[in-house]
Amino acid sequence: MLLVAGCPGGDGNGDSDSEDNNDSGGVVDTTTYYGRANIIIDYYDYDFLGNLFLIEQKSYQYDVELVTGPPKNVGSVFVQNAFNLQVGTTTMGTEGTFGISSAILNVALQGSPVLLEYWDFDYVNNLIDGQSTDGTRVISIDIQAQS
């Protein structure tokens, strides 16, 4: 579970860093949220019979940036998500830091764009639930307003 407490804006006081650069018909603006994340990581291993077991659980707190925007697309082909989501810690390189994108646009060797979708997200009542498109990873992000 990833808990993000924050608010829109570059200085954390509610000012919005929002842009209307939507290619999907004006449905979703690009908005950046800054906050603090409580990150819980479960570490697993396999025993000699091949059974998965929990080794340990660690908790971390990091500053995060969460960016929502219109769904990524190449021409008329859009990802399945109703929005694009990027979330990650503002610093990288230590245990517990992370960066997640629902999809990215890449350029193939031939020069044509390739749309890569990594996560399927649902957003209901400030809770973002996601599953990786290959079905092997699950994430839950609870967005709470900072008071």
Protein backbone atom coordinates (compact mmCIF):
# COMPACT_ATOMS: atom_id res chain seq x y z
CA MET A 1 0.00 0.00 0.00
CA LEU A 2 1.30 3.41 -0.94
CA LEU A 3 -0.27 6.30 0.94
CA VAL A 4 0.26 9.72 -0.62
CA ALA A 5 -0.75 12.74 1.43
CA GLY A 6 -0.42 15.97 -0.48
CA CYS A 7 -2.01 18.63 -2.54
CA PRO A 8 -1.67 20.02 -6.04
CA GLY A 9 1.00 22.58 -6.63
CA GLY A 10 4.71 23.12 -6.73
CA ASP A 11 5.08 24.51 -3.22
CA GLY A 12 2.74 22.17 -1.37
CA ASN A 13 0.28 24.91 -0.39
CA GLY A 14 -2.46 24.05 -2.85
CA ASP A 15 -1.35 26.08 -5.87
CA SER A 16 -2.07 24.04 -8.97
CA ASP A 17 0.57 22.99 -11.47
CA SER A 18 -2.10 22.19 -14.04
CA GLU A 19 -1.91 22.36 -17.81
CA ASP A 20 -4.60 21.73 -20.39
CA ASN A 21 -2.50 19.94 -22.99
CA ASN A 22 -4.91 17.11 -23.56
CA ASP A 23 -4.89 15.18 -26.82
CA SER A 24 -7.97 13.16 -25.82
CA GLY A 25 -10.67 15.78 -26.26
CA GLY A 26 -10.21 17.96 -23.17
CA VAL A 27 -11.35 15.33 -20.68
CA VAL A 28 -8.27 15.26 -18.43
CA ASP A 29 -5.84 18.07 -17.57
CA THR A 30 -2.25 17.41 -16.58
CA THR A 31 -1.90 18.06 -12.84
CA THR A 32 1.08 17.56 -10.54
CA TYR A 33 0.67 16.71 -6.87
CA TYR A 34 3.44 16.81 -4.28
CA GLY A 35 3.25 14.96 -1.01
CA ARG A 36 4.71 12.42 1.35
CA ALA A 37 4.42 8.67 0.80
CA ASN A 38 4.35 5.90 3.37
CA ILE A 39 5.76 2.91 1.51
CA ILE A 40 5.47 -0.68 2.76
CA ILE A 41 7.52 -3.33 0.98
CA ASP A 42 7.08 -7.06 1.60
CA TYR A 43 10.16 -9.16 0.81
CA TYR A 44 9.53 -12.78 -0.20
CA ASP A 45 11.62 -15.84 -0.99
CA TYR A 46 10.98 -19.47 -1.91
CA ASP A 47 11.64 -22.46 0.34
CA PHE A 48 13.16 -25.71 -0.94
CA LEU A 49 9.68 -26.97 -1.93
CA GLY A 50 9.03 -23.92 -4.08
CA ASN A 51 6.57 -22.28 -1.67
CA LEU A 52 6.65 -18.51 -1.40
CA PHE A 53 7.10 -17.11 2.12
CA LEU A 54 7.47 -13.66 3.67
CA ILE A 55 11.01 -12.85 4.81
CA GLU A 56 10.43 -9.37 6.19
CA GLN A 57 8.42 -6.19 5.83
CA LYS A 58 9.99 -2.72 5.73
CA SER A 59 8.43 0.73 5.86
CA TYR A 60 9.76 3.94 4.34
CA GLN A 61 8.68 7.58 4.03
CA TYR A 62 9.68 9.67 1.02
CA ASP A 63 8.61 12.87 -0.72
CA VAL A 64 6.77 12.00 -3.92
CA GLU A 65 5.49 13.62 -7.09
CA LEU A 66 2.30 12.31 -8.64
CA VAL A 67 1.35 13.47 -12.15
CA THR A 68 -2.00 12.73 -13.77
CA GLY A 69 -2.84 13.57 -17.35
CA PRO A 70 -4.65 12.49 -20.48
CA PRO A 71 -4.19 8.91 -21.67
CA LYS A 72 -1.13 8.31 -23.84
CA ASN A 73 -1.74 7.71 -27.51
CA VAL A 74 -0.09 7.14 -30.87
CA GLY A 75 -2.35 8.64 -33.52
CA SER A 76 -5.84 7.27 -32.92
CA VAL A 77 -4.63 4.39 -30.72
CA PHE A 78 -5.02 5.14 -27.00
CA VAL A 79 -4.03 3.09 -23.96
CA GLN A 80 -6.87 1.41 -22.08
CA ASN A 81 -6.53 3.62 -18.99
CA ALA A 82 -8.81 6.63 -18.79
CA PHE A 83 -5.81 8.72 -17.65
CA ASN A 84 -2.01 8.64 -17.57
CA LEU A 85 -0.35 8.31 -14.17
CA GLN A 86 3.26 8.83 -13.17
CA VAL A 87 4.24 8.58 -9.52
CA GLY A 88 7.64 8.37 -7.90
CA THR A 89 9.91 9.50 -5.15
CA THR A 90 11.64 12.82 -5.70
CA THR A 91 15.02 11.20 -4.97
CA MET A 92 16.21 7.85 -6.32
CA GLY A 93 18.91 5.32 -5.60
CA THR A 94 18.11 4.11 -2.09
CA GLU A 95 16.01 1.22 -0.82
CA GLY A 96 12.30 2.03 -1.00
CA THR A 97 12.53 4.67 -3.74
CA PHE A 98 10.51 4.04 -6.89
CA GLY A 99 9.09 5.41 -10.12
CA ILE A 100 5.97 4.08 -11.87
CA SER A 101 4.40 5.11 -15.19
CA SER A 102 1.13 3.72 -16.49
CA ALA A 103 2.49 3.95 -20.05
CA ILE A 104 5.34 5.46 -22.03
CA LEU A 105 5.90 6.47 -25.62
CA ASN A 106 9.12 5.12 -27.08
CA VAL A 107 10.67 5.47 -30.52
CA ALA A 108 11.54 2.22 -32.28
CA LEU A 109 14.79 1.77 -34.18
CA GLN A 110 12.85 2.40 -37.40
CA GLY A 111 11.86 5.82 -36.06
CA SER A 112 8.18 5.08 -35.54
CA PRO A 113 6.56 5.63 -32.12
CA VAL A 114 5.70 2.64 -29.93
CA LEU A 115 3.13 2.86 -27.14
CA LEU A 116 4.01 0.68 -24.13
CA GLU A 117 1.31 0.21 -21.50
CA TYR A 118 2.54 -1.12 -18.16
CA TRP A 119 -0.33 -0.69 -15.71
CA ASP A 120 -4.14 -0.92 -15.73
CA PHE A 121 -5.53 1.58 -13.22
CA ASP A 122 -8.92 2.24 -11.64
CA TYR A 123 -9.65 5.43 -9.69
CA VAL A 124 -12.52 5.53 -7.19
CA ASN A 125 -12.90 7.79 -4.12
CA ASN A 126 -9.23 8.93 -3.98
CA LEU A 127 -7.97 5.33 -4.26
CA ILE A 128 -5.96 4.24 -7.29
CA ASP A 129 -5.76 0.47 -7.70
CA GLY A 130 -3.49 -0.92 -10.36
CA GLN A 131 -2.28 -4.19 -11.78
CA SER A 132 0.62 -4.59 -14.16
CA THR A 133 -0.49 -5.51 -17.67
CA ASP A 134 1.28 -8.87 -17.35
CA GLY A 135 -0.67 -9.57 -14.13
CA THR A 136 2.37 -10.04 -11.89
CA ARG A 137 2.30 -6.83 -9.83
CA VAL A 138 -0.38 -5.00 -7.83
CA ILE A 139 -0.30 -1.48 -6.39
CA SER A 140 -2.74 0.54 -4.36
CA ILE A 141 -2.35 4.31 -3.93
CA ASP A 142 -4.53 6.11 -1.38
CA ILE A 143 -4.48 9.87 -2.06
CA GLN A 144 -5.35 11.94 1.01
CA ALA A 145 -5.56 15.72 1.15
CA GLN A 146 -2.99 17.36 3.34
CA SER A 147 -4.45 19.57 6.04
